Amino acid sequence: MTDISIRLAGPADHAVIWAILEPVIRAGETYALPREMTKAAALAYWTGPDRETFVAVLDGEPVGTYYLRANQHGGGAHVANCGYMTARHATGRGVASAMAKHSLAHARARGYTAMQFNFVIATNVGAIRLWEKLGFATLARLPGAFMHPEHGATDALLMFRTL
């Protein structure tokens, strides 16, 4: 497998970021975002001033994106939070794993002492398997907290690990 590089995103990456975000948002299966979310709203959310946004590149092609931000303000700002999306055609090629490992190292370098995922959809078994492999524990299960377009009321997990 070719190495996956990860770089900080800039405004010139907005088109490729949108190309990755749109199918995931429209599917409505893994993020609690409105399925009809506009490009402008999605990019404002994903690349907002309160976060660092990255692009994962495989064989010269952007195939994933993630953001890193403080999970809370004030007294909770030492805990990081991330969101990750992989281009559908690139799943199973190590993109999510590379982004996750990069985010953990980058968060540590930024002075965060832990990382928390607030709302991992229970049907997203690939993500859960990866987070557990990387040392995340499920601290809470929120019964029926997510309305999945196919499965209906679905649990969401709160996952956490120290850095």
N, C-alpha and C. Protein backbone atom coordinates (compact mmCIF):
# COMPACT_ATOMS: atom_id res chain seq x y z
N MET A 1 0.84 -1.18 0.00
CA MET A 1 0.00 0.00 0.00
C MET A 1 0.89 1.24 0.00
N THR A 2 0.48 2.24 -0.74
CA THR A 2 1.19 3.50 -0.81
C THR A 2 0.97 4.28 0.48
N ASP A 3 1.96 5.06 0.87
CA ASP A 3 1.84 5.88 2.07
C ASP A 3 0.76 6.93 1.90
N ILE A 4 0.07 7.17 2.98
CA ILE A 4 -0.95 8.21 3.02
C ILE A 4 -0.31 9.41 3.70
N SER A 5 -0.34 10.55 3.04
CA SER A 5 0.18 11.77 3.64
C SER A 5 -1.00 12.60 4.12
N ILE A 6 -0.74 13.37 5.16
CA ILE A 6 -1.78 14.21 5.73
C ILE A 6 -1.22 15.61 5.86
N ARG A 7 -1.98 16.57 5.36
CA ARG A 7 -1.53 17.95 5.39
C ARG A 7 -2.66 18.86 5.86
N LEU A 8 -2.26 20.01 6.36
CA LEU A 8 -3.23 21.02 6.77
C LEU A 8 -3.99 21.50 5.54
N ALA A 9 -5.28 21.62 5.66
CA ALA A 9 -6.12 22.07 4.54
C ALA A 9 -6.17 23.59 4.50
N GLY A 10 -6.43 24.10 3.31
CA GLY A 10 -6.61 25.53 3.12
C GLY A 10 -7.82 25.76 2.23
N PRO A 11 -8.14 27.02 1.96
CA PRO A 11 -9.31 27.33 1.12
C PRO A 11 -9.28 26.65 -0.25
N ALA A 12 -8.09 26.41 -0.80
CA ALA A 12 -8.00 25.75 -2.10
C ALA A 12 -8.48 24.29 -2.04
N ASP A 13 -8.60 23.74 -0.82
CA ASP A 13 -9.04 22.36 -0.65
C ASP A 13 -10.55 22.23 -0.48
N HIS A 14 -11.26 23.33 -0.43
CA HIS A 14 -12.70 23.26 -0.14
C HIS A 14 -13.47 22.39 -1.13
N ALA A 15 -13.12 22.43 -2.39
CA ALA A 15 -13.85 21.61 -3.38
C ALA A 15 -13.65 20.12 -3.10
N VAL A 16 -12.41 19.71 -2.80
CA VAL A 16 -12.18 18.29 -2.54
C VAL A 16 -12.76 17.87 -1.19
N ILE A 17 -12.73 18.77 -0.22
CA ILE A 17 -13.35 18.46 1.07
C ILE A 17 -14.85 18.26 0.88
N TRP A 18 -15.49 19.13 0.14
CA TRP A 18 -16.91 19.00 -0.13
C TRP A 18 -17.21 17.69 -0.86
N ALA A 19 -16.37 17.31 -1.79
CA ALA A 19 -16.57 16.06 -2.52
C ALA A 19 -16.53 14.85 -1.58
N ILE A 20 -15.79 14.95 -0.50
CA ILE A 20 -15.73 13.88 0.50
C ILE A 20 -16.92 13.98 1.45
N LEU A 21 -17.23 15.19 1.90
CA LEU A 21 -18.30 15.39 2.88
C LEU A 21 -19.69 15.11 2.31
N GLU A 22 -19.96 15.58 1.11
CA GLU A 22 -21.33 15.53 0.61
C GLU A 22 -21.96 14.14 0.62
N PRO A 23 -21.32 13.10 0.08
CA PRO A 23 -21.98 11.79 0.10
C PRO A 23 -22.25 11.27 1.52
N VAL A 24 -21.35 11.56 2.44
CA VAL A 24 -21.53 11.11 3.82
C VAL A 24 -22.69 11.85 4.47
N ILE A 25 -22.74 13.15 4.28
CA ILE A 25 -23.84 13.95 4.83
C ILE A 25 -25.17 13.51 4.23
N ARG A 26 -25.22 13.36 2.92
CA ARG A 26 -26.47 12.97 2.23
C ARG A 26 -26.96 11.60 2.68
N ALA A 27 -26.03 10.67 2.95
CA ALA A 27 -26.42 9.33 3.40
C ALA A 27 -27.05 9.37 4.78
N GLY A 28 -26.61 10.29 5.64
CA GLY A 28 -27.21 10.46 6.95
C GLY A 28 -27.02 9.30 7.90
N GLU A 29 -25.97 8.51 7.72
CA GLU A 29 -25.79 7.30 8.52
C GLU A 29 -24.78 7.42 9.65
N THR A 30 -23.88 8.40 9.58
CA THR A 30 -22.80 8.44 10.57
C THR A 30 -22.58 9.79 11.24
N TYR A 31 -23.24 10.82 10.79
CA TYR A 31 -23.10 12.15 11.39
C TYR A 31 -24.47 12.74 11.65
N ALA A 32 -24.61 13.40 12.79
CA ALA A 32 -25.85 14.07 13.13
C ALA A 32 -25.85 15.47 12.51
N LEU A 33 -25.80 15.47 11.19
CA LEU A 33 -25.86 16.70 10.41
C LEU A 33 -27.08 16.62 9.50
N PRO A 34 -27.71 17.74 9.19
CA PRO A 34 -28.87 17.70 8.30
C PRO A 34 -28.49 17.14 6.93
N ARG A 35 -29.25 16.19 6.46
CA ARG A 35 -28.94 15.56 5.17
C ARG A 35 -29.02 16.56 4.02
N GLU A 36 -29.78 17.63 4.18
CA GLU A 36 -29.93 18.65 3.14
C GLU A 36 -28.93 19.81 3.32
N MET A 37 -27.97 19.64 4.21
CA MET A 37 -26.99 20.68 4.51
C MET A 37 -26.35 21.19 3.20
N THR A 38 -26.23 22.50 3.10
CA THR A 38 -25.64 23.09 1.90
C THR A 38 -24.12 22.96 1.93
N LYS A 39 -23.53 23.15 0.78
CA LYS A 39 -22.08 23.13 0.68
C LYS A 39 -21.48 24.20 1.59
N ALA A 40 -22.02 25.40 1.54
CA ALA A 40 -21.48 26.49 2.35
C ALA A 40 -21.58 26.17 3.84
N ALA A 41 -22.71 25.64 4.28
CA ALA A 41 -22.88 25.31 5.69
C ALA A 41 -21.95 24.17 6.11
N ALA A 42 -21.81 23.18 5.25
CA ALA A 42 -20.94 22.05 5.57
C ALA A 42 -19.48 22.48 5.67
N LEU A 43 -19.05 23.31 4.74
CA LEU A 43 -17.66 23.79 4.79
C LEU A 43 -17.42 24.71 5.97
N ALA A 44 -18.41 25.53 6.31
CA ALA A 44 -18.28 26.39 7.49
C ALA A 44 -18.15 25.54 8.76
N TYR A 45 -18.92 24.47 8.82
CA TYR A 45 -18.85 23.56 9.96
C TYR A 45 -17.50 22.85 10.01
N TRP A 46 -17.07 22.27 8.90
CA TRP A 46 -15.88 21.42 8.86
C TRP A 46 -14.58 22.21 8.94
N THR A 47 -14.58 23.43 8.43
CA THR A 47 -13.34 24.21 8.36
C THR A 47 -13.41 25.48 9.20
N GLY A 48 -14.30 25.51 10.17
CA GLY A 48 -14.52 26.71 10.98
C GLY A 48 -13.28 27.21 11.68
N PRO A 49 -13.33 28.44 12.15
CA PRO A 49 -12.16 29.07 12.77
C PRO A 49 -11.77 28.45 14.12
N ASP A 50 -12.64 27.62 14.69
CA ASP A 50 -12.36 26.99 15.98
C ASP A 50 -11.67 25.64 15.84
N ARG A 51 -11.23 25.30 14.63
CA ARG A 51 -10.64 23.97 14.39
C ARG A 51 -9.54 24.02 13.35
N GLU A 52 -8.72 23.00 13.36
CA GLU A 52 -7.74 22.79 12.30
C GLU A 52 -8.30 21.68 11.42
N THR A 53 -8.25 21.87 10.12
CA THR A 53 -8.77 20.88 9.19
C THR A 53 -7.62 20.33 8.35
N PHE A 54 -7.66 19.03 8.13
CA PHE A 54 -6.60 18.33 7.42
C PHE A 54 -7.18 17.55 6.24
N VAL A 55 -6.32 17.25 5.27
CA VAL A 55 -6.68 16.44 4.12
C VAL A 55 -5.70 15.28 4.06
N ALA A 56 -6.23 14.08 3.85
CA ALA A 56 -5.40 12.88 3.66
C ALA A 56 -5.27 12.64 2.16
N VAL A 57 -4.05 12.36 1.71
CA VAL A 57 -3.77 12.19 0.29
C VAL A 57 -3.15 10.82 0.07
N LEU A 58 -3.68 10.10 -0.90
CA LEU A 58 -3.17 8.79 -1.29
C LEU A 58 -2.93 8.80 -2.78
N ASP A 59 -1.70 8.50 -3.20
CA ASP A 59 -1.34 8.51 -4.62
C ASP A 59 -1.70 9.82 -5.30
N GLY A 60 -1.48 10.93 -4.60
CA GLY A 60 -1.74 12.25 -5.15
C GLY A 60 -3.18 12.69 -5.14
N GLU A 61 -4.08 11.86 -4.62
CA GLU A 61 -5.51 12.18 -4.62
C GLU A 61 -6.01 12.38 -3.19
N PRO A 62 -6.71 13.48 -2.91
CA PRO A 62 -7.32 13.66 -1.59
C PRO A 62 -8.41 12.59 -1.38
N VAL A 63 -8.26 11.83 -0.29
CA VAL A 63 -9.18 10.72 -0.04
C VAL A 63 -9.81 10.76 1.35
N GLY A 64 -9.48 11.77 2.12
CA GLY A 64 -10.06 11.87 3.46
C GLY A 64 -9.82 13.25 4.03
N THR A 65 -10.57 13.54 5.07
CA THR A 65 -10.41 14.82 5.75
C THR A 65 -10.80 14.64 7.22
N TYR A 66 -10.16 15.39 8.07
CA TYR A 66 -10.56 15.41 9.47
C TYR A 66 -10.33 16.80 10.03
N TYR A 67 -11.04 17.08 11.13
CA TYR A 67 -10.78 18.32 11.87
C TYR A 67 -10.44 17.98 13.30
N LEU A 68 -9.69 18.87 13.93
CA LEU A 68 -9.32 18.78 15.33
C LEU A 68 -9.72 20.08 15.99
N ARG A 69 -10.36 19.97 17.14
CA ARG A 69 -10.78 21.15 17.89
C ARG A 69 -10.87 20.80 19.36
N ALA A 70 -11.02 21.81 20.19
CA ALA A 70 -11.29 21.58 21.60
C ALA A 70 -12.72 21.05 21.73
N ASN A 71 -12.90 20.05 22.55
CA ASN A 71 -14.23 19.48 22.73
C ASN A 71 -15.18 20.46 23.43
N GLN A 72 -14.64 21.24 24.35
CA GLN A 72 -15.43 22.23 25.09
C GLN A 72 -14.59 23.50 25.23
N HIS A 73 -15.19 24.53 25.75
CA HIS A 73 -14.49 25.78 26.03
C HIS A 73 -14.02 25.78 27.48
N GLY A 74 -13.26 26.78 27.84
CA GLY A 74 -12.87 26.99 29.24
C GLY A 74 -12.22 25.77 29.86
N GLY A 75 -12.79 25.31 30.96
CA GLY A 75 -12.24 24.19 31.72
C GLY A 75 -12.22 22.86 30.99
N GLY A 76 -12.89 22.77 29.85
CA GLY A 76 -12.88 21.53 29.07
C GLY A 76 -12.03 21.61 27.82
N ALA A 77 -11.31 22.72 27.66
CA ALA A 77 -10.56 22.95 26.42
C ALA A 77 -9.31 22.10 26.28
N HIS A 78 -8.94 21.36 27.31
CA HIS A 78 -7.76 20.48 27.23
C HIS A 78 -8.09 19.12 26.61
N VAL A 79 -9.37 18.87 26.34
CA VAL A 79 -9.81 17.63 25.71
C VAL A 79 -10.13 17.91 24.25
N ALA A 80 -9.51 17.15 23.36
CA ALA A 80 -9.71 17.32 21.92
C ALA A 80 -10.94 16.58 21.45
N ASN A 81 -11.42 17.01 20.30
CA ASN A 81 -12.52 16.35 19.60
C ASN A 81 -12.17 16.38 18.12
N CYS A 82 -12.55 15.34 17.40
CA CYS A 82 -12.28 15.28 15.96
C CYS A 82 -13.51 14.75 15.23
N GLY A 83 -13.55 15.06 13.94
CA GLY A 83 -14.49 14.45 13.03
C GLY A 83 -13.69 13.97 11.84
N TYR A 84 -14.03 12.80 11.31
CA TYR A 84 -13.28 12.19 10.21
C TYR A 84 -14.24 11.75 9.12
N MET A 85 -13.85 11.94 7.88
CA MET A 85 -14.60 11.39 6.76
C MET A 85 -13.60 10.91 5.70
N THR A 86 -13.90 9.73 5.17
CA THR A 86 -13.10 9.13 4.11
C THR A 86 -13.93 9.06 2.85
N ALA A 87 -13.32 9.35 1.71
CA ALA A 87 -14.02 9.22 0.43
C ALA A 87 -14.47 7.76 0.30
N ARG A 88 -15.69 7.57 -0.15
CA ARG A 88 -16.26 6.22 -0.24
C ARG A 88 -15.38 5.26 -1.03
N HIS A 89 -14.81 5.72 -2.12
CA HIS A 89 -13.99 4.83 -2.95
C HIS A 89 -12.66 4.46 -2.30
N ALA A 90 -12.31 5.12 -1.20
CA ALA A 90 -11.03 4.87 -0.54
C ALA A 90 -11.18 4.10 0.77
N THR A 91 -12.40 3.70 1.13
CA THR A 91 -12.56 2.95 2.38
C THR A 91 -11.83 1.61 2.28
N GLY A 92 -11.33 1.16 3.42
CA GLY A 92 -10.60 -0.10 3.46
C GLY A 92 -9.15 0.00 3.03
N ARG A 93 -8.67 1.21 2.84
CA ARG A 93 -7.28 1.38 2.37
C ARG A 93 -6.39 2.04 3.43
N GLY A 94 -6.86 2.10 4.66
CA GLY A 94 -6.05 2.63 5.75
C GLY A 94 -6.13 4.12 5.94
N VAL A 95 -7.03 4.78 5.22
CA VAL A 95 -7.14 6.24 5.31
C VAL A 95 -7.61 6.67 6.70
N ALA A 96 -8.67 6.07 7.19
CA ALA A 96 -9.20 6.44 8.51
C ALA A 96 -8.16 6.18 9.60
N SER A 97 -7.48 5.07 9.51
CA SER A 97 -6.46 4.74 10.49
C SER A 97 -5.33 5.77 10.46
N ALA A 98 -4.88 6.14 9.27
CA ALA A 98 -3.82 7.15 9.16
C ALA A 98 -4.26 8.49 9.73
N MET A 99 -5.51 8.90 9.42
CA MET A 99 -6.00 10.17 9.96
C MET A 99 -6.13 10.11 11.48
N ALA A 100 -6.62 8.99 12.00
CA ALA A 100 -6.79 8.86 13.45
C ALA A 100 -5.44 8.94 14.16
N LYS A 101 -4.46 8.21 13.65
CA LYS A 101 -3.13 8.24 14.27
C LYS A 101 -2.51 9.63 14.18
N HIS A 102 -2.69 10.29 13.03
CA HIS A 102 -2.19 11.65 12.87
C HIS A 102 -2.87 12.59 13.87
N SER A 103 -4.17 12.44 14.03
CA SER A 103 -4.91 13.34 14.92
C SER A 103 -4.49 13.15 16.37
N LEU A 104 -4.22 11.92 16.78
CA LEU A 104 -3.78 11.67 18.15
C LEU A 104 -2.42 12.33 18.39
N ALA A 105 -1.50 12.16 17.46
CA ALA A 105 -0.18 12.77 17.61
C ALA A 105 -0.27 14.29 17.56
N HIS A 106 -1.09 14.82 16.66
CA HIS A 106 -1.21 16.27 16.53
C HIS A 106 -1.88 16.87 17.77
N ALA A 107 -2.89 16.19 18.28
CA ALA A 107 -3.56 16.66 19.49
C ALA A 107 -2.58 16.71 20.66
N ARG A 108 -1.80 15.67 20.79
CA ARG A 108 -0.79 15.62 21.85
C ARG A 108 0.19 16.78 21.69
N ALA A 109 0.64 17.02 20.46
CA ALA A 109 1.58 18.11 20.19
C ALA A 109 0.97 19.47 20.48
N ARG A 110 -0.34 19.59 20.35
CA ARG A 110 -1.04 20.84 20.62
C ARG A 110 -1.34 21.03 22.11
N GLY A 111 -0.99 20.04 22.92
CA GLY A 111 -1.17 20.17 24.36
C GLY A 111 -2.45 19.58 24.91
N TYR A 112 -3.23 18.94 24.08
CA TYR A 112 -4.43 18.27 24.59
C TYR A 112 -4.01 17.07 25.43
N THR A 113 -4.78 16.76 26.45
CA THR A 113 -4.45 15.64 27.33
C THR A 113 -5.37 14.45 27.14
N ALA A 114 -6.41 14.61 26.33
CA ALA A 114 -7.35 13.52 26.07
C ALA A 114 -8.09 13.82 24.77
N MET A 115 -8.78 12.80 24.26
CA MET A 115 -9.63 12.99 23.09
C MET A 115 -10.98 12.33 23.37
N GLN A 116 -12.03 13.00 22.96
CA GLN A 116 -13.38 12.51 23.20
C GLN A 116 -14.20 12.59 21.93
N PHE A 117 -14.91 11.50 21.64
CA PHE A 117 -15.87 11.48 20.54
C PHE A 117 -17.25 11.46 21.18
N ASN A 118 -18.03 12.48 20.92
CA ASN A 118 -19.29 12.69 21.63
C ASN A 118 -20.45 11.86 21.11
N PHE A 119 -20.40 11.41 19.86
CA PHE A 119 -21.61 10.87 19.24
C PHE A 119 -21.24 9.89 18.13
N VAL A 120 -20.69 8.74 18.50
CA VAL A 120 -20.32 7.72 17.52
C VAL A 120 -21.53 6.82 17.32
N ILE A 121 -22.03 6.75 16.11
CA ILE A 121 -23.23 5.99 15.82
C ILE A 121 -22.91 4.49 15.95
N ALA A 122 -23.72 3.77 16.70
CA ALA A 122 -23.45 2.37 17.03
C ALA A 122 -23.38 1.47 15.80
N THR A 123 -24.03 1.85 14.72
CA THR A 123 -23.96 1.04 13.49
C THR A 123 -22.68 1.28 12.71
N ASN A 124 -21.88 2.25 13.10
CA ASN A 124 -20.62 2.56 12.43
C ASN A 124 -19.52 1.66 13.02
N VAL A 125 -19.67 0.36 12.78
CA VAL A 125 -18.82 -0.64 13.43
C VAL A 125 -17.35 -0.52 13.02
N GLY A 126 -17.09 -0.12 11.80
CA GLY A 126 -15.69 0.06 11.38
C GLY A 126 -15.00 1.13 12.20
N ALA A 127 -15.68 2.25 12.41
CA ALA A 127 -15.10 3.33 13.21
C ALA A 127 -14.92 2.88 14.65
N ILE A 128 -15.93 2.23 15.20
CA ILE A 128 -15.83 1.78 16.60
C ILE A 128 -14.67 0.81 16.76
N ARG A 129 -14.53 -0.11 15.83
CA ARG A 129 -13.42 -1.07 15.88
C ARG A 129 -12.08 -0.34 15.85
N LEU A 130 -11.95 0.68 14.99
CA LEU A 130 -10.71 1.45 14.91
C LEU A 130 -10.46 2.20 16.20
N TRP A 131 -11.48 2.89 16.72
CA TRP A 131 -11.28 3.67 17.95
C TRP A 131 -10.86 2.75 19.10
N GLU A 132 -11.49 1.59 19.20
CA GLU A 132 -11.12 0.66 20.28
C GLU A 132 -9.68 0.16 20.09
N LYS A 133 -9.30 -0.13 18.87
CA LYS A 133 -7.93 -0.56 18.58
C LYS A 133 -6.92 0.51 19.00
N LEU A 134 -7.32 1.78 18.88
CA LEU A 134 -6.44 2.90 19.23
C LEU A 134 -6.57 3.32 20.70
N GLY A 135 -7.27 2.52 21.50
CA GLY A 135 -7.30 2.76 22.93
C GLY A 135 -8.49 3.53 23.46
N PHE A 136 -9.49 3.80 22.63
CA PHE A 136 -10.68 4.50 23.11
C PHE A 136 -11.59 3.53 23.84
N ALA A 137 -12.21 4.01 24.90
CA ALA A 137 -13.19 3.23 25.65
C ALA A 137 -14.55 3.88 25.48
N THR A 138 -15.58 3.06 25.47
CA THR A 138 -16.94 3.58 25.44
C THR A 138 -17.34 3.88 26.88
N LEU A 139 -17.62 5.16 27.15
CA LEU A 139 -17.99 5.58 28.50
C LEU A 139 -19.50 5.62 28.69
N ALA A 140 -20.22 5.78 27.59
CA ALA A 140 -21.68 5.85 27.70
C ALA A 140 -22.30 5.41 26.39
N ARG A 141 -23.47 4.83 26.51
CA ARG A 141 -24.30 4.47 25.35
C ARG A 141 -25.59 5.26 25.50
N LEU A 142 -25.90 6.05 24.48
CA LEU A 142 -27.09 6.90 24.49
C LEU A 142 -28.18 6.18 23.69
N PRO A 143 -29.11 5.53 24.36
CA PRO A 143 -30.10 4.70 23.66
C PRO A 143 -30.97 5.51 22.70
N GLY A 144 -31.00 5.08 21.45
CA GLY A 144 -31.87 5.69 20.45
C GLY A 144 -31.61 7.15 20.16
N ALA A 145 -30.39 7.63 20.44
CA ALA A 145 -30.10 9.05 20.32
C ALA A 145 -29.96 9.53 18.88
N PHE A 146 -29.80 8.61 17.95
CA PHE A 146 -29.61 8.98 16.54
C PHE A 146 -30.69 8.32 15.70
N MET A 147 -31.28 9.10 14.83
CA MET A 147 -32.31 8.55 13.94
C MET A 147 -31.65 8.17 12.62
N HIS A 148 -31.34 6.90 12.49
CA HIS A 148 -30.67 6.36 11.31
C HIS A 148 -31.69 6.21 10.19
N PRO A 149 -31.34 6.59 8.95
CA PRO A 149 -32.32 6.56 7.86
C PRO A 149 -32.80 5.14 7.52
N GLU A 150 -32.02 4.14 7.83
CA GLU A 150 -32.42 2.76 7.53
C GLU A 150 -32.85 1.99 8.77
N HIS A 151 -32.15 2.18 9.88
CA HIS A 151 -32.38 1.39 11.09
C HIS A 151 -33.27 2.07 12.12
N GLY A 152 -33.64 3.31 11.89
CA GLY A 152 -34.46 4.03 12.86
C GLY A 152 -33.63 4.42 14.07
N ALA A 153 -34.28 4.48 15.23
CA ALA A 153 -33.61 4.92 16.46
C ALA A 153 -32.43 4.00 16.76
N THR A 154 -31.25 4.60 16.79
CA THR A 154 -30.00 3.87 16.93
C THR A 154 -29.20 4.50 18.07
N ASP A 155 -28.50 3.67 18.80
CA ASP A 155 -27.68 4.17 19.90
C ASP A 155 -26.50 4.98 19.38
N ALA A 156 -26.04 5.90 20.21
CA ALA A 156 -24.81 6.65 19.95
C ALA A 156 -23.89 6.41 21.15
N LEU A 157 -22.60 6.38 20.88
CA LEU A 157 -21.61 6.11 21.93
C LEU A 157 -20.79 7.35 22.23
N LEU A 158 -20.44 7.50 23.49
CA LEU A 158 -19.48 8.50 23.93
C LEU A 158 -18.18 7.75 24.16
N MET A 159 -17.13 8.10 23.40
CA MET A 159 -15.87 7.38 23.48
C MET A 159 -14.75 8.34 23.89
N PHE A 160 -13.77 7.82 24.65
CA PHE A 160 -12.77 8.68 25.27
C PHE A 160 -11.46 7.92 25.42
N ARG A 161 -10.36 8.67 25.31
CA ARG A 161 -9.05 8.12 25.69
C ARG A 161 -8.14 9.26 26.12
N THR A 162 -7.24 8.97 27.02
CA THR A 162 -6.24 9.96 27.42
C THR A 162 -5.12 9.94 26.40
N LEU A 163 -4.41 11.05 26.34
CA LEU A 163 -3.26 11.16 25.46
C LEU A 163 -2.00 11.13 26.30
